[in-house]
C-alpha atoms as a PDB file:
ATOM      1  CA  MET A   1      -4.386  14.443  -0.789  1.00  0.00           C
ATOM      2  CA  LEU A   2      -6.953  15.209  -3.447  1.00  0.00           C
ATOM      3  CA  ASN A   3      -8.601  18.094  -1.561  1.00  0.00           C
ATOM      4  CA  LEU A   4     -12.026  16.476  -1.841  1.00  0.00           C
ATOM      5  CA  LYS A   5     -14.885  17.580   0.387  1.00  0.00           C
ATOM      6  CA  ASP A   6     -16.405  14.088   0.350  1.00  0.00           C
ATOM      7  CA  TYR A   7     -14.835  10.655   0.000  1.00  0.00           C
ATOM      8  CA  ARG A   8     -17.828   8.896  -1.571  1.00  0.00           C
ATOM      9  CA  PRO A   9     -17.126   9.663  -5.263  1.00  0.00           C
ATOM     10  CA  VAL A  10     -13.783   7.871  -4.953  1.00  0.00           C
ATOM     11  CA  VAL A  11     -14.986   4.731  -3.137  1.00  0.00           C
ATOM     12  CA  TYR A  12     -16.602   2.904  -6.076  1.00  0.00           C
ATOM     13  CA  PRO A  13     -13.710   3.356  -8.564  1.00  0.00           C
ATOM     14  CA  LEU A  14     -11.147   2.352  -5.938  1.00  0.00           C
ATOM     15  CA  GLY A  15     -13.238  -0.703  -5.051  1.00  0.00           C
ATOM     16  CA  MET A  16     -13.282  -1.803  -8.684  1.00  0.00           C
ATOM     17  CA  ILE A  17      -9.525  -1.305  -8.968  1.00  0.00           C
ATOM     18  CA  LEU A  18      -8.967  -3.368  -5.799  1.00  0.00           C
ATOM     19  CA  ILE A  19     -11.122  -6.227  -7.081  1.00  0.00           C
ATOM     20  CA  VAL A  20      -9.251  -6.393 -10.395  1.00  0.00           C
ATOM     21  CA  LEU A  21      -5.855  -6.207  -8.684  1.00  0.00           C
ATOM     22  CA  SER A  22      -6.763  -8.873  -6.136  1.00  0.00           C
ATOM     23  CA  ILE A  23      -7.792 -11.291  -8.881  1.00  0.00           C
ATOM     24  CA  SER A  24      -4.690 -10.582 -10.950  1.00  0.00           C
ATOM     25  CA  ILE A  25      -2.282 -10.842  -8.003  1.00  0.00           C
ATOM     26  CA  ALA A  26      -3.638 -14.090  -6.556  1.00  0.00           C
ATOM     27  CA  PRO A  27      -5.782 -15.978  -9.078  1.00  0.00           C
ATOM     28  CA  ASN A  28      -6.122 -19.156  -6.976  1.00  0.00           C
ATOM     29  CA  ILE A  29      -5.132 -20.823  -3.708  1.00  0.00           C
ATOM     30  CA  VAL A  30      -2.246 -22.788  -5.257  1.00  0.00           C
ATOM     31  CA  TYR A  31      -0.553 -19.573  -6.310  1.00  0.00           C
ATOM     32  CA  ILE A  32      -0.965 -18.168  -2.806  1.00  0.00           C
ATOM     33  CA  ASN A  33       0.663 -21.300  -1.323  1.00  0.00           C
ATOM     34  CA  GLU A  34       3.598 -20.929  -3.718  1.00  0.00           C
ATOM     35  CA  MET A  35       4.022 -17.306  -2.606  1.00  0.00           C
ATOM     36  CA  SER A  36       4.506 -18.355   1.013  1.00  0.00           C
ATOM     37  CA  SER A  37       8.269 -18.588   0.469  1.00  0.00           C
ATOM     38  CA  ILE A  38       8.546 -14.910  -0.533  1.00  0.00           C
ATOM     39  CA  TRP A  39       5.787 -13.569   1.718  1.00  0.00           C
ATOM     40  CA  PRO A  40       8.057 -12.665   4.690  1.00  0.00           C
ATOM     41  CA  PHE A  41      10.161 -10.376   2.464  1.00  0.00           C
ATOM     42  CA  PHE A  42       7.062  -8.714   1.049  1.00  0.00           C
ATOM     43  CA  ASP A  43       5.550  -8.380   4.519  1.00  0.00           C
ATOM     44  CA  PHE A  44       8.719  -6.784   5.897  1.00  0.00           C
ATOM     45  CA  THR A  45       8.854  -4.311   3.026  1.00  0.00           C
ATOM     46  CA  ILE A  46       5.226  -3.218   3.269  1.00  0.00           C
ATOM     47  CA  GLY A  47       4.780  -3.562   7.031  1.00  0.00           C
ATOM     48  CA  VAL A  48       8.082  -2.241   8.383  1.00  0.00           C
ATOM     49  CA  PHE A  49      10.295  -0.590   5.774  1.00  0.00           C
ATOM     50  CA  LEU A  50       7.765   1.745   4.129  1.00  0.00           C
ATOM     51  CA  PRO A  51       6.288   3.080   7.412  1.00  0.00           C
ATOM     52  CA  LEU A  52       9.792   3.711   8.760  1.00  0.00           C
ATOM     53  CA  LEU A  53      10.680   5.504   5.542  1.00  0.00           C
ATOM     54  CA  LEU A  54       7.601   7.725   5.897  1.00  0.00           C
ATOM     55  CA  VAL A  55       8.486   8.538   9.513  1.00  0.00           C
ATOM     56  CA  LEU A  56      12.024   9.390   8.462  1.00  0.00           C
ATOM     57  CA  ILE A  57      10.760  11.701   5.728  1.00  0.00           C
ATOM     58  CA  THR A  58       8.438  13.411   8.223  1.00  0.00           C
ATOM     59  CA  LEU A  59      11.270  13.935  10.702  1.00  0.00           C
ATOM     60  CA  VAL A  60      13.532  15.385   8.009  1.00  0.00           C
ATOM     61  CA  ARG A  61      10.798  17.765   6.851  1.00  0.00           C
ATOM     62  CA  ARG A  62      10.179  18.964  10.404  1.00  0.00           C
ATOM     63  CA  LYS A  63      13.876  19.489  11.052  1.00  0.00           C
ATOM     64  CA  PHE A  64      14.717  21.302   7.809  1.00  0.00           C
ATOM     65  CA  GLY A  65      11.346  22.863   7.054  1.00  0.00           C
ATOM     66  CA  ARG A  66       9.299  22.232   3.949  1.00  0.00           C
ATOM     67  CA  LEU A  67      11.448  20.911   1.107  1.00  0.00           C
END
């Protein structure tokens, strides 16, 4: 996506971003247990809906050419 010849310059900044986001999303185990009621909806969205949307977009692009 970024037309980089090597992936290594991006690894450290992305790692730092992931650490900060993981701490801000789930600060402790109690919060994670409270999220268990909404987790199936989140899991369906990320695990099923978005990949199917990407496949659909790919199929449309192949059928109608580059948009």
